[in-house]
Amino acid sequence: MGETVPPVTTSFNRSLRIESRAERLTGDPGAVALREILDRSGIVEWMIPQLRDPRRQEDVVHDLASLLRTSVLLSAQGWRVHDDADALRHDPAFRLAVSSAAGQTPLMTGHGLPSQTTLSRFAAVMAAPANLKVLREAVLELGARGARAERGGQRPARLTLDVDSLPLEVHGHQPKAEWNGHYAVRIYHPLVTLVAETGDMLDA
């Protein structure tokens, strides 16, 4: 006999209830669980007041918080490029998971997920020096929270930082990417800093 999973109501949207169904309604139900985790971390709410949004607010369809969630959840679910957002544009789980609106509002609008061009513009906004500084501080903040969580909320006396390189294959001639004979592909090879105790990446 199959196990029956009781329905679960999310805290970020009380109108959303997760339950096991025979029919497949979405290919990415994990986006909802990841949104719940993201909300409990509080990191998006921590970042938003510090980020600069140069867009004319009267023209904005997707706010910065929604765009942040879209980028994080797409990556976490294994969707690596901005074009993937177009393929998932009307997926109900993703629409509910990334939206700042409550209730069924995300499903009632015709907007769907941000388009590839919107996400590309968002990436350019986040690459501005002031916003890049906030991103780096957010990563450090999450790393600090993770280190405290490992010790029951206590601040660690010391941490071990692990500095290593991370080979990333690129397709094109991006700055700082070079041909690598070992991997036989063009590689962007940044140095990354991680907390050895938790595995959290602090900077690259």
Protein backbone atom coordinates (compact mmCIF):
# COMPACT_ATOMS: atom_id res chain seq x y z
CA MET A 1 0.00 0.00 0.00
CA GLY A 2 1.31 3.46 -0.89
CA GLU A 3 1.98 5.98 1.81
CA THR A 4 -0.45 8.91 2.05
CA VAL A 5 1.28 12.25 2.53
CA PRO A 6 -0.86 14.76 4.46
CA PRO A 7 -1.43 18.15 2.75
CA VAL A 8 0.99 20.91 3.70
CA THR A 9 0.19 24.65 3.69
CA THR A 10 3.07 27.02 2.96
CA SER A 11 3.75 30.02 5.20
CA PHE A 12 4.59 32.38 2.32
CA ASN A 13 1.17 31.84 0.67
CA ARG A 14 -1.64 30.44 2.83
CA SER A 15 -3.76 29.83 -0.28
CA LEU A 16 -1.24 27.27 -1.50
CA ARG A 17 -1.62 23.68 -0.30
CA ILE A 18 0.75 20.89 -1.32
CA GLU A 19 -0.71 17.41 -1.59
CA SER A 20 0.08 14.15 -3.33
CA ARG A 21 -2.03 13.65 -6.47
CA ALA A 22 -2.11 10.92 -9.08
CA GLU A 23 -2.10 13.42 -11.95
CA ARG A 24 1.06 15.41 -12.65
CA LEU A 25 0.28 19.12 -12.46
CA THR A 26 3.81 20.49 -12.43
CA GLY A 27 7.28 19.26 -13.30
CA ASP A 28 8.98 21.31 -10.58
CA PRO A 29 7.14 20.99 -7.26
CA GLY A 30 10.45 21.40 -5.43
CA ALA A 31 10.34 25.12 -6.25
CA VAL A 32 7.61 25.56 -3.63
CA ALA A 33 9.64 23.82 -0.92
CA LEU A 34 12.72 25.85 -1.87
CA ARG A 35 10.72 29.09 -1.66
CA GLU A 36 9.65 28.12 1.85
CA ILE A 37 13.30 27.57 2.83
CA LEU A 38 14.34 30.83 1.16
CA ASP A 39 11.67 32.75 3.06
CA ARG A 40 12.68 31.23 6.37
CA SER A 41 16.28 32.31 5.76
CA GLY A 42 15.04 35.91 5.44
CA ILE A 43 17.89 36.72 3.06
CA VAL A 44 15.74 38.16 0.24
CA GLU A 45 14.00 40.55 2.66
CA TRP A 46 17.45 41.43 4.06
CA MET A 47 18.77 42.30 0.59
CA ILE A 48 15.87 44.17 -1.03
CA PRO A 49 16.10 47.46 0.95
CA GLN A 50 19.80 47.68 0.11
CA LEU A 51 19.55 46.99 -3.63
CA ARG A 52 19.28 49.77 -6.21
CA ASP A 53 16.66 49.33 -8.92
CA PRO A 54 17.20 51.82 -11.78
CA ARG A 55 14.00 50.81 -13.58
CA ARG A 56 11.04 53.18 -13.84
CA GLN A 57 8.82 51.71 -11.15
CA GLU A 58 5.60 52.48 -13.04
CA ASP A 59 6.82 50.14 -15.81
CA VAL A 60 7.88 47.31 -13.49
CA VAL A 61 6.00 44.01 -13.86
CA HIS A 62 8.36 41.80 -11.83
CA ASP A 63 9.78 43.37 -8.67
CA LEU A 64 13.37 42.74 -7.57
CA ALA A 65 12.33 40.17 -4.96
CA SER A 66 10.49 38.12 -7.60
CA LEU A 67 13.45 38.32 -9.97
CA LEU A 68 15.85 37.25 -7.21
CA ARG A 69 13.67 34.28 -6.34
CA THR A 70 13.32 33.33 -10.01
CA SER A 71 17.10 33.31 -10.53
CA VAL A 72 17.79 31.36 -7.33
CA LEU A 73 15.02 28.78 -7.79
CA LEU A 74 15.74 28.17 -11.48
CA SER A 75 19.39 27.49 -10.64
CA ALA A 76 18.51 25.34 -7.62
CA GLN A 77 16.15 23.23 -9.77
CA GLY A 78 18.85 22.65 -12.38
CA TRP A 79 17.64 25.18 -14.98
CA ARG A 80 20.90 26.90 -15.88
CA VAL A 81 20.13 29.48 -18.57
CA HIS A 82 17.69 32.38 -18.81
CA ASP A 83 15.91 30.76 -21.77
CA ASP A 84 14.67 28.08 -19.35
CA ALA A 85 12.35 30.66 -17.78
CA ASP A 86 10.48 30.83 -21.09
CA ALA A 87 9.96 27.05 -21.06
CA LEU A 88 8.56 27.28 -17.52
CA ARG A 89 6.70 30.54 -18.08
CA HIS A 90 3.29 29.15 -17.12
CA ASP A 91 4.29 26.41 -14.67
CA PRO A 92 1.94 26.94 -11.69
CA ALA A 93 4.42 25.84 -9.00
CA PHE A 94 7.15 28.18 -10.24
CA ARG A 95 4.74 31.09 -10.66
CA LEU A 96 3.54 30.74 -7.07
CA ALA A 97 7.03 30.12 -5.72
CA VAL A 98 8.68 33.23 -7.16
CA SER A 99 5.89 35.80 -6.86
CA SER A 100 5.67 38.48 -4.18
CA ALA A 101 1.87 38.43 -4.53
CA ALA A 102 -0.28 36.32 -2.20
CA GLY A 103 -3.27 34.08 -2.78
CA GLN A 104 -4.06 33.02 -6.32
CA THR A 105 -2.98 36.36 -7.81
CA PRO A 106 0.20 34.93 -9.43
CA LEU A 107 -1.96 32.46 -11.39
CA MET A 108 -4.61 34.99 -12.37
CA THR A 109 -2.28 37.42 -14.16
CA GLY A 110 -1.09 36.77 -17.70
CA HIS A 111 2.53 37.63 -16.97
CA GLY A 112 3.93 34.25 -15.96
CA LEU A 113 7.64 34.00 -15.14
CA PRO A 114 10.02 36.77 -16.21
CA SER A 115 11.20 36.39 -19.80
CA GLN A 116 14.76 35.68 -20.85
CA THR A 117 15.28 39.36 -21.74
CA THR A 118 13.93 40.51 -18.36
CA LEU A 119 16.27 38.13 -16.52
CA SER A 120 19.22 39.30 -18.63
CA ARG A 121 18.44 42.92 -17.76
CA PHE A 122 18.10 41.89 -14.10
CA ALA A 123 21.57 40.28 -14.24
CA ALA A 124 22.97 43.57 -15.58
CA VAL A 125 21.28 45.48 -12.74
CA MET A 126 22.74 43.11 -10.15
CA ALA A 127 26.21 43.48 -11.71
CA ALA A 128 26.28 47.20 -10.87
CA PRO A 129 29.00 47.85 -8.24
CA ALA A 130 26.56 48.90 -5.50
CA ASN A 131 24.38 45.80 -5.98
CA LEU A 132 27.38 43.51 -6.35
CA LYS A 133 28.49 44.72 -2.92
CA VAL A 134 25.08 43.76 -1.47
CA LEU A 135 25.30 40.31 -3.10
CA ARG A 136 28.71 39.71 -1.55
CA GLU A 137 27.46 40.86 1.86
CA ALA A 138 24.42 38.57 1.52
CA VAL A 139 26.67 35.57 0.86
CA LEU A 140 28.73 36.46 3.94
CA GLU A 141 25.56 36.90 5.98
CA LEU A 142 24.29 33.45 4.96
CA GLY A 143 27.69 31.94 5.70
CA ALA A 144 27.68 33.49 9.17
CA ARG A 145 24.16 32.23 9.83
CA GLY A 146 25.16 28.74 8.70
CA ALA A 147 28.21 28.74 10.98
CA ARG A 148 26.08 29.81 13.96
CA ALA A 149 23.42 27.21 13.13
CA GLU A 150 26.09 24.48 13.23
CA ARG A 151 26.75 25.47 16.86
CA GLY A 152 23.20 25.89 18.09
CA GLY A 153 23.15 29.65 17.55
CA GLN A 154 26.55 30.29 19.13
CA ARG A 155 29.16 32.34 17.31
CA PRO A 156 32.16 30.14 16.39
CA ALA A 157 35.53 31.03 17.91
CA ARG A 158 37.27 30.35 14.59
CA LEU A 159 36.53 29.28 11.03
CA THR A 160 38.69 27.59 8.41
CA LEU A 161 38.59 29.22 4.97
CA ASP A 162 39.26 26.95 2.01
CA VAL A 163 40.48 28.78 -1.11
CA ASP A 164 40.34 26.73 -4.31
CA SER A 165 39.75 27.14 -8.03
CA LEU A 166 36.51 26.27 -9.75
CA PRO A 167 36.66 25.37 -13.47
CA LEU A 168 33.58 26.57 -15.38
CA GLU A 169 33.16 25.70 -19.05
CA VAL A 170 32.13 28.67 -21.21
CA HIS A 171 30.90 28.90 -24.79
CA GLY A 172 32.33 32.01 -26.38
CA HIS A 173 35.07 34.51 -25.67
CA GLN A 174 34.05 35.95 -22.32
CA PRO A 175 36.64 38.06 -20.47
CA LYS A 176 39.14 35.99 -18.46
CA ALA A 177 38.07 32.74 -20.13
CA GLU A 178 40.89 30.82 -21.81
CA TRP A 179 41.47 27.52 -23.57
CA ASN A 180 42.42 24.81 -21.10
CA GLY A 181 44.35 21.86 -22.48
CA HIS A 182 43.51 19.58 -19.55
CA TYR A 183 39.74 19.98 -19.96
CA ALA A 184 40.01 20.53 -23.75
CA VAL A 185 37.46 23.36 -23.57
CA ARG A 186 37.41 27.10 -22.89
CA ILE A 187 37.41 27.60 -19.13
CA TYR A 188 36.66 30.43 -16.75
CA HIS A 189 38.69 29.47 -13.70
CA PRO A 190 37.84 31.71 -10.71
CA LEU A 191 39.19 31.30 -7.20
CA VAL A 192 36.46 30.64 -4.64
CA THR A 193 36.52 30.92 -0.86
CA LEU A 194 34.48 28.46 1.19
CA VAL A 195 33.91 27.86 4.89
CA ALA A 196 35.45 24.43 5.45
CA GLU A 197 33.12 23.59 8.36
CA THR A 198 29.86 24.21 6.47
CA GLY A 199 30.79 24.20 2.76
CA ASP A 200 29.24 27.67 2.28
CA MET A 201 30.85 29.72 -0.50
CA LEU A 202 31.78 33.23 0.63
CA ASP A 203 33.23 34.83 -2.48
CA ALA A 204 34.66 34.20 -5.93
